[in-house]
Amino acid sequence: MTSVALGIPSVRTKPIAERRASRQIMVGSVPVGGDAPISVQSMTTTVTADVNATLQQIAELTASGCQIVRVAVPSQDDAEALPTIARKSQIPVIADIHFQPKYVFAAIEAGCAAVRVNPGNIKKFDDRVGEIARAAADHGVPIRIGVNAGSLDPRLLEKYGKATPEALVESALWECSLFEEHGFRDIKISVKHNDPVVMVQAYRLLAERCDYPLHLGVTEAGPAFQGTIKSAVAFGALLAEGIGDTIRVSLSAPPVEEVKVGAAILESLNLRERGLEIVSCPSCGRAQVDVYTLAEQVQAGLTGLKVPLRVAVMGCVVNGPGEAREADLGVASGNGKGQIFVRGEVIKTVPESQIVETLIEEALRLAEEMGVEVGVDDAAPEVVVR
C-alpha cells in the first residue's frame, strides 16, 4: 500500500484573489499599494501631548505586529509633541487631522510619515489644498484622504440625503482631483461607514474609479465582539476581490486588540503568513474529554509562540484522528487518554492529565527544530473551531 504524506503542505497556499492594481506609496518605511503586503494599522488612545504615554502605547502596538500607527492631533499641544513622537516611534506615524488646516503643516514639518485629512470637517480645506500639496511634496509626505460617514461634507449630504456609497466616493474623488490639479498624487483613500454593507459598496465603487491605494475600515464598528464580526465580514468580502492595501480594525477596545484581529483576518485569507493556529472541535455528545478546557489550556500555554504551527486538539474518534494527523502537532482524545501526533505519526499515548503538558513540550521542540526563537509576547494564536 502506498503511503500518503500528510501534514501542512510545504508550499504556502495561494492568496484568495489577485490584488487590484494600484499605485504604490511609501508611508515612512512601509510600502502601501502595488504588490506590497497588506499592512495592519491602529491608532493610539492616549492624549498625544503626553509623549511618554503615547510612545509606550506605540511600543506595545509595535510588539503586537502593528506596522503603521495613527495619532490624534486636535490641539496645539498635540502638534508640538509630534516631532518627538515621529522621531522615537519604531513604526511610521500618521497624524490624524480634523478641523484645523494649520496642524496639517505642523505634522508635515514634524516629520510624520503621512497625514490623514478629513475633508468633511476641515474649514476652508479646499482653499488650502495647493499649499498642503506643495508642503507634502517638498517633504515626501503622502496624504490620506479619509472620508467618514459621520462627518461627510454638508454639500454632499444635501445632494444625496445621507451618507450613501456614492456620496462617500464622490467626496474622496473630489478631494483627489484638487490635489491632482497641483500635480500631487501621493495619496491613499478611505471611505468608511459603520454599516459593512454600505462600506463594501463604497470601496467597490472607489476601486473601479481610481488606482490609488485603499485603506479599509469599518468606522465605529463597536465593542470587541461586534466590531470583530463587522470588520471580518467587510474586509473578507473586499479582500476576496483583491480590494484593499492596508487595514485598520476599529474596536471599542484596547488598540492592541485591533492589531490582533487585523492580523488574524489577513492570515485566514492567506494574505499574511500564518502563525500558530489551534484547531479544536466544538465538542458534542461524542466527546469523551473536556475539549473546551484542553483547548483553552493549550492556547494559554502557547500564547506568544512565534512559529507557523497548526496544533489540533480533538475530542472524539470521528474527526479526531484525521484532524490530528493532518496538523503539525495534534491530539486525538478519548477514554481518558490522548494519542499524540507529530507530522502525521503517532509518537505516544498519554493520560488525559498529561495532554496539555505534552502538546506544549512538543510544540516548543518543533519550534526549536524549525530554527524559530521561542519567546512569548502579547499575541495569541488563532483558534479555529471545527
Protein backbone atom coordinates (compact mmCIF):
# COMPACT_ATOMS: atom_id res chain seq x y z
CA MET A 1 0.00 0.00 0.00
CA THR A 2 1.40 3.39 -0.99
CA SER A 3 1.85 5.75 1.94
CA VAL A 4 0.40 9.22 1.69
CA ALA A 5 2.28 12.14 3.20
CA LEU A 6 0.02 14.20 5.42
CA GLY A 7 0.51 17.35 7.41
CA ILE A 8 0.76 21.01 6.40
CA PRO A 9 1.82 21.47 2.76
CA SER A 10 5.32 22.83 2.40
CA VAL A 11 4.16 25.23 -0.32
CA ARG A 12 2.21 28.20 1.00
CA THR A 13 -1.43 28.25 -0.08
CA LYS A 14 -2.12 30.86 -2.72
CA PRO A 15 -3.90 34.06 -1.66
CA ILE A 16 -7.64 34.11 -2.10
CA ALA A 17 -7.56 36.57 -5.03
CA GLU A 18 -5.23 38.64 -7.18
CA ARG A 19 -4.75 42.13 -5.82
CA ARG A 20 -6.33 45.09 -7.55
CA ALA A 21 -3.68 47.04 -9.45
CA SER A 22 -2.91 50.21 -7.51
CA ARG A 23 -0.12 52.72 -7.41
CA GLN A 24 2.32 52.36 -4.54
CA ILE A 25 3.17 54.98 -1.96
CA MET A 26 5.63 54.92 0.91
CA VAL A 27 4.36 55.59 4.43
CA GLY A 28 7.73 56.05 6.03
CA SER A 29 9.48 52.72 5.56
CA VAL A 30 6.26 50.81 4.80
CA PRO A 31 5.15 50.44 1.16
CA VAL A 32 1.40 50.63 0.65
CA GLY A 33 -0.28 49.55 -2.57
CA GLY A 34 1.10 47.91 -5.66
CA ASP A 35 2.48 44.48 -4.83
CA ALA A 36 3.33 45.38 -1.22
CA PRO A 37 1.90 43.13 1.52
CA ILE A 38 -1.29 44.40 3.11
CA SER A 39 -0.31 46.27 6.26
CA VAL A 40 -2.10 46.43 9.61
CA GLN A 41 -2.66 49.77 11.29
CA SER A 42 -4.08 51.01 14.58
CA MET A 43 -4.50 54.28 16.42
CA THR A 44 -3.31 55.36 19.83
CA THR A 45 -5.88 56.13 22.52
CA THR A 46 -3.57 58.33 24.60
CA VAL A 47 -3.51 62.11 24.63
CA THR A 48 -0.84 62.72 22.01
CA ALA A 49 0.63 65.59 24.02
CA ASP A 50 1.52 63.02 26.69
CA VAL A 51 4.61 61.93 24.81
CA ASN A 52 5.72 59.17 27.17
CA ALA A 53 2.30 57.53 27.33
CA THR A 54 1.89 57.76 23.56
CA LEU A 55 5.32 56.27 22.85
CA GLN A 56 4.65 53.50 25.37
CA GLN A 57 1.43 52.58 23.59
CA ILE A 58 3.15 52.72 20.22
CA ALA A 59 5.78 50.32 21.57
CA GLU A 60 3.01 47.93 22.71
CA LEU A 61 1.35 48.15 19.30
CA THR A 62 4.66 47.53 17.56
CA ALA A 63 5.26 44.43 19.67
CA SER A 64 1.81 43.12 18.72
CA GLY A 65 2.57 43.41 15.00
CA CYS A 66 1.22 46.86 14.15
CA GLN A 67 3.04 48.31 11.14
CA ILE A 68 1.66 51.85 10.95
CA VAL A 69 0.19 53.91 13.78
CA ARG A 70 -2.04 56.98 13.74
CA VAL A 71 -2.13 59.65 16.45
CA ALA A 72 -4.80 62.28 17.00
CA VAL A 73 -3.83 65.95 16.73
CA PRO A 74 -6.76 68.04 18.00
CA SER A 75 -4.71 70.71 19.80
CA GLN A 76 -1.57 72.79 19.61
CA ASP A 77 -0.04 70.80 22.45
CA ASP A 78 -0.55 67.61 20.42
CA ALA A 79 1.03 69.21 17.36
CA GLU A 80 4.05 70.25 19.41
CA ALA A 81 4.53 66.66 20.56
CA LEU A 82 4.70 65.27 17.03
CA PRO A 83 8.44 65.81 16.32
CA THR A 84 9.48 63.73 19.32
CA ILE A 85 6.90 61.02 18.68
CA ALA A 86 7.72 60.76 14.99
CA ARG A 87 11.45 60.56 15.74
CA LYS A 88 11.24 57.97 18.52
CA SER A 89 8.48 55.70 17.22
CA GLN A 90 9.67 52.33 15.90
CA ILE A 91 6.95 52.38 13.20
CA PRO A 92 5.70 55.12 10.86
CA VAL A 93 3.43 57.69 12.50
CA ILE A 94 0.43 59.22 10.75
CA ALA A 95 -1.01 62.46 12.11
CA ASP A 96 -4.81 62.50 12.18
CA ILE A 97 -6.08 66.00 11.44
CA HIS A 98 -9.57 67.43 11.77
CA PHE A 99 -10.93 70.99 11.79
CA GLN A 100 -7.62 72.92 11.68
CA PRO A 101 -5.52 73.09 8.47
CA LYS A 102 -2.57 74.53 10.43
CA TYR A 103 -1.99 71.17 12.07
CA VAL A 104 -1.51 69.58 8.65
CA PHE A 105 1.52 71.78 8.09
CA ALA A 106 2.76 71.17 11.63
CA ALA A 107 2.59 67.40 11.09
CA ILE A 108 4.47 67.62 7.81
CA GLU A 109 7.18 69.77 9.37
CA ALA A 110 7.36 67.41 12.38
CA GLY A 111 8.49 64.51 10.22
CA CYS A 112 5.34 62.42 10.34
CA ALA A 113 5.30 59.60 7.80
CA ALA A 114 1.88 60.65 6.47
CA VAL A 115 -1.04 62.90 7.27
CA ARG A 116 -4.70 61.91 7.36
CA VAL A 117 -7.12 64.71 6.50
CA ASN A 118 -10.90 64.63 6.73
CA PRO A 119 -12.23 66.94 4.02
CA GLY A 120 -15.69 66.88 5.56
CA ASN A 121 -14.73 68.85 8.66
CA ILE A 122 -11.68 70.98 7.90
CA LYS A 123 -12.81 74.57 7.41
CA LYS A 124 -11.87 76.03 4.05
CA PHE A 125 -9.89 72.86 3.32
CA ASP A 126 -10.38 73.10 -0.44
CA ASP A 127 -8.82 76.58 -0.44
CA ARG A 128 -5.65 75.26 1.23
CA VAL A 129 -5.08 72.18 -0.94
CA GLY A 130 -2.44 73.89 -3.07
CA GLU A 131 -0.37 74.84 -0.01
CA ILE A 132 -0.78 71.39 1.52
CA ALA A 133 0.21 69.69 -1.73
CA ARG A 134 3.39 71.75 -2.03
CA ALA A 135 4.41 71.17 1.58
CA ALA A 136 3.70 67.44 1.38
CA ALA A 137 5.58 67.10 -1.91
CA ASP A 138 8.57 69.02 -0.59
CA HIS A 139 8.84 66.70 2.42
CA GLY A 140 7.88 63.46 0.65
CA VAL A 141 4.83 63.00 2.88
CA PRO A 142 1.78 61.18 1.48
CA ILE A 143 -1.75 62.27 2.29
CA ARG A 144 -4.63 60.00 3.25
CA ILE A 145 -7.98 61.42 2.25
CA GLY A 146 -10.14 59.89 4.94
CA VAL A 147 -13.86 60.23 4.29
CA ASN A 148 -16.20 59.16 7.10
CA ALA A 149 -19.96 58.73 7.01
CA GLY A 150 -20.30 60.60 10.29
CA SER A 151 -18.54 63.72 9.06
CA LEU A 152 -19.46 63.93 5.40
CA ASP A 153 -19.37 67.30 3.66
CA PRO A 154 -22.78 69.01 4.20
CA ARG A 155 -23.00 69.71 0.47
CA LEU A 156 -22.95 66.01 -0.29
CA LEU A 157 -25.42 65.21 2.48
CA GLU A 158 -27.78 67.70 0.89
CA LYS A 159 -27.24 66.17 -2.54
CA TYR A 160 -27.65 62.51 -1.57
CA GLY A 161 -29.80 62.79 1.55
CA LYS A 162 -27.46 60.61 3.61
CA ALA A 163 -24.01 59.03 3.53
CA THR A 164 -24.56 56.68 0.60
CA PRO A 165 -21.72 54.79 -1.10
CA GLU A 166 -21.92 57.25 -3.97
CA ALA A 167 -21.66 60.22 -1.61
CA LEU A 168 -18.59 58.81 0.13
CA VAL A 169 -16.85 58.11 -3.16
CA GLU A 170 -17.71 61.50 -4.63
CA SER A 171 -16.24 63.22 -1.58
CA ALA A 172 -12.99 61.27 -1.83
CA LEU A 173 -12.51 61.70 -5.56
CA TRP A 174 -13.37 65.40 -5.45
CA GLU A 175 -10.58 65.97 -2.94
CA CYS A 176 -8.22 63.84 -5.01
CA SER A 177 -8.97 65.97 -8.04
CA LEU A 178 -7.98 69.12 -6.13
CA PHE A 179 -4.62 67.60 -5.24
CA GLU A 180 -4.18 66.35 -8.80
CA GLU A 181 -4.61 69.90 -10.09
CA HIS A 182 -1.35 70.65 -8.27
CA GLY A 183 0.40 67.54 -9.58
CA PHE A 184 0.16 65.71 -6.25
CA ARG A 185 -0.76 62.03 -6.41
CA ASP A 186 0.99 60.61 -3.36
CA ILE A 187 -2.42 59.72 -1.95
CA LYS A 188 -4.29 56.87 -0.35
CA ILE A 189 -8.02 56.87 0.31
CA SER A 190 -10.52 55.55 2.83
CA VAL A 191 -14.32 55.74 2.64
CA LYS A 192 -15.52 54.42 5.98
CA HIS A 193 -19.05 53.67 7.17
CA ASN A 194 -20.36 51.89 10.26
CA ASP A 195 -22.55 49.62 8.10
CA PRO A 196 -20.41 46.89 6.50
CA VAL A 197 -22.77 46.61 3.51
CA VAL A 198 -22.55 50.32 2.70
CA MET A 199 -18.80 50.26 3.34
CA VAL A 200 -18.24 47.34 0.94
CA GLN A 201 -20.33 49.01 -1.76
CA ALA A 202 -18.40 52.25 -1.37
CA TYR A 203 -14.99 50.59 -1.71
CA ARG A 204 -16.13 48.61 -4.74
CA LEU A 205 -17.20 51.83 -6.44
CA LEU A 206 -13.98 53.55 -5.46
CA ALA A 207 -11.83 50.65 -6.70
CA GLU A 208 -13.44 50.94 -10.13
CA ARG A 209 -12.83 54.67 -10.42
CA CYS A 210 -9.22 55.17 -9.33
CA ASP A 211 -5.90 53.42 -8.89
CA TYR A 212 -4.97 54.96 -5.54
CA PRO A 213 -4.15 52.53 -2.71
CA LEU A 214 -7.12 51.97 -0.41
CA HIS A 215 -7.19 51.90 3.39
CA LEU A 216 -10.02 49.64 4.58
CA GLY A 217 -12.03 50.28 7.71
CA VAL A 218 -15.49 49.90 9.20
CA THR A 219 -15.72 53.03 11.31
CA GLU A 220 -17.32 52.97 14.75
CA ALA A 221 -17.58 49.19 14.43
CA GLY A 222 -18.45 48.81 18.12
CA PRO A 223 -17.31 46.66 21.06
CA ALA A 224 -14.81 43.88 20.52
CA PHE A 225 -17.17 41.07 19.51
CA GLN A 226 -19.46 43.11 17.29
CA GLY A 227 -16.61 45.11 15.77
CA THR A 228 -14.62 41.99 15.01
CA ILE A 229 -17.56 40.43 13.20
CA LYS A 230 -18.30 43.59 11.20
CA SER A 231 -14.68 44.07 10.22
CA ALA A 232 -14.09 40.42 9.34
CA VAL A 233 -17.18 40.32 7.14
CA ALA A 234 -16.43 43.59 5.34
CA PHE A 235 -12.69 43.04 4.96
CA GLY A 236 -13.23 39.44 3.88
CA ALA A 237 -15.64 40.47 1.14
CA LEU A 238 -13.30 43.13 -0.24
CA LEU A 239 -10.01 41.30 0.17
CA ALA A 240 -11.58 38.27 -1.54
CA GLU A 241 -11.98 40.56 -4.56
CA GLY A 242 -8.43 41.86 -4.31
CA ILE A 243 -9.52 45.24 -2.93
CA GLY A 244 -7.54 46.75 -0.06
CA ASP A 245 -3.93 47.72 0.59
CA THR A 246 -3.88 48.49 4.31
CA ILE A 247 -6.42 47.89 7.08
CA ARG A 248 -7.49 49.15 10.48
CA VAL A 249 -9.97 47.26 12.65
CA SER A 250 -11.83 49.90 14.68
CA LEU A 251 -12.87 48.49 18.05
CA SER A 252 -14.11 49.95 21.32
CA ALA A 253 -11.27 48.02 22.93
CA PRO A 254 -7.53 48.44 23.59
CA PRO A 255 -5.76 49.11 20.28
CA VAL A 256 -3.58 46.01 20.60
CA GLU A 257 -6.80 44.01 20.15
CA GLU A 258 -7.36 45.78 16.82
CA VAL A 259 -3.97 44.61 15.62
CA LYS A 260 -4.59 41.02 16.68
CA VAL A 261 -7.90 40.91 14.83
CA GLY A 262 -6.47 42.57 11.73
CA ALA A 263 -3.56 40.15 11.56
CA ALA A 264 -5.86 37.17 12.06
CA ILE A 265 -8.10 38.32 9.20
CA LEU A 266 -5.13 38.55 6.84
CA GLU A 267 -3.78 35.19 7.95
CA SER A 268 -7.14 33.48 7.45
CA LEU A 269 -7.18 34.67 3.82
CA ASN A 270 -3.53 33.67 3.24
CA LEU A 271 -2.63 37.33 2.80
CA ARG A 272 -0.10 37.05 5.60
CA GLU A 273 1.99 34.08 6.69
CA ARG A 274 0.08 32.14 9.30
CA GLY A 275 1.48 31.88 12.76
CA LEU A 276 0.44 29.47 15.46
CA GLU A 277 -3.04 28.09 14.76
CA ILE A 278 -5.06 25.92 17.12
CA VAL A 279 -7.66 23.68 15.53
CA SER A 280 -10.18 22.40 18.05
CA CYS A 281 -13.57 20.73 17.77
CA PRO A 282 -16.70 22.47 19.06
CA SER A 283 -17.44 19.36 21.14
CA CYS A 284 -20.63 17.34 21.07
CA GLY A 285 -22.21 14.32 22.70
CA ARG A 286 -19.46 12.10 21.26
CA ALA A 287 -16.68 13.88 23.15
CA GLN A 288 -15.08 11.78 25.85
CA VAL A 289 -12.83 14.51 27.26
CA ASP A 290 -13.29 18.17 28.22
CA VAL A 291 -12.30 19.67 24.86
CA TYR A 292 -13.10 23.23 25.92
CA THR A 293 -10.67 23.13 28.83
CA LEU A 294 -7.97 21.33 26.86
CA ALA A 295 -8.11 23.85 24.01
CA GLU A 296 -8.05 26.83 26.38
CA GLN A 297 -5.11 25.43 28.34
CA VAL A 298 -3.12 24.66 25.19
CA GLN A 299 -3.84 28.13 23.84
CA ALA A 300 -2.77 29.74 27.11
CA GLY A 301 0.40 27.65 27.26
CA LEU A 302 1.44 28.54 23.72
CA THR A 303 0.40 32.19 23.73
CA GLY A 304 3.05 34.27 22.01
CA LEU A 305 4.86 31.35 20.36
CA LYS A 306 6.01 32.88 17.08
CA VAL A 307 6.02 29.84 14.85
CA PRO A 308 3.86 28.65 11.92
CA LEU A 309 2.45 25.54 13.56
CA ARG A 310 -1.01 24.03 13.35
CA VAL A 311 -1.98 22.28 16.59
CA ALA A 312 -5.13 20.14 16.65
CA VAL A 313 -6.94 19.50 19.94
CA MET A 314 -9.67 16.96 19.20
CA GLY A 315 -12.10 15.13 21.44
CA CYS A 316 -13.62 12.11 19.68
CA VAL A 317 -12.86 9.24 17.32
CA VAL A 318 -14.89 10.60 14.37
CA ASN A 319 -12.81 13.57 13.21
CA GLY A 320 -10.12 13.49 15.88
CA PRO A 321 -7.53 11.16 14.35
CA GLY A 322 -7.83 12.74 10.91
CA GLU A 323 -7.50 16.31 12.12
CA ALA A 324 -4.66 15.43 14.49
CA ARG A 325 -2.83 13.56 11.73
CA GLU A 326 -3.16 16.43 9.25
CA ALA A 327 -1.84 19.01 11.70
CA ASP A 328 1.80 19.58 12.53
CA LEU A 329 1.00 18.53 16.06
CA GLY A 330 -2.21 17.16 17.49
CA VAL A 331 -4.07 15.00 19.93
CA ALA A 332 -6.98 12.65 19.34
CA SER A 333 -8.60 12.18 22.73
CA GLY A 334 -10.95 9.59 24.18
CA ASN A 335 -11.49 7.27 27.14
CA GLY A 336 -9.35 9.42 29.41
CA LYS A 337 -6.26 9.40 27.22
CA GLY A 338 -4.89 11.01 24.09
CA GLN A 339 -2.88 9.89 21.08
CA ILE A 340 -0.21 12.48 20.31
CA PHE A 341 0.52 13.02 16.61
CA VAL A 342 3.60 14.79 15.25
CA ARG A 343 3.80 15.38 11.50
CA GLY A 344 1.18 12.73 10.85
CA GLU A 345 2.65 9.99 13.05
CA VAL A 346 1.54 8.77 16.48
CA ILE A 347 4.51 9.25 18.81
CA LYS A 348 2.90 8.33 22.12
CA THR A 349 -0.32 7.87 24.06
CA VAL A 350 -0.66 9.79 27.31
CA PRO A 351 -3.26 10.10 30.09
CA GLU A 352 -5.71 12.99 29.76
CA SER A 353 -3.95 14.75 32.63
CA GLN A 354 -0.72 14.92 30.57
CA ILE A 355 -2.17 16.01 27.21
CA VAL A 356 -1.64 19.74 27.67
CA GLU A 357 1.86 19.39 29.05
CA THR A 358 2.85 17.01 26.23
CA LEU A 359 1.46 19.23 23.46
CA ILE A 360 3.27 22.28 24.82
CA GLU A 361 6.56 20.37 25.09
CA GLU A 362 6.25 19.04 21.54
CA ALA A 363 5.32 22.46 20.17
CA LEU A 364 8.40 24.03 21.72
CA ARG A 365 10.56 21.21 20.39
CA LEU A 366 9.18 21.64 16.87
CA ALA A 367 9.75 25.38 17.08
CA GLU A 368 13.38 24.84 18.00
CA GLU A 369 13.80 22.35 15.16
CA MET A 370 12.44 24.97 12.77
CA GLY A 371 15.04 27.44 13.99
CA VAL A 372 12.43 29.76 15.44
CA GLU A 373 13.34 31.62 18.60
CA VAL A 374 10.94 30.57 21.32
CA GLY A 375 9.52 33.63 23.03
CA VAL A 376 6.32 34.98 24.48
CA ASP A 377 4.56 38.22 23.68
CA ASP A 378 1.02 39.55 23.87
CA ALA A 379 -0.18 37.93 20.65
CA ALA A 380 -2.47 34.94 20.98
CA PRO A 381 -2.66 32.14 18.43
CA GLU A 382 -5.63 31.93 16.13
CA VAL A 383 -8.19 29.36 17.26
CA VAL A 384 -10.15 27.58 14.56
CA VAL A 385 -13.15 25.64 15.82
CA ARG A 386 -14.31 22.78 13.62
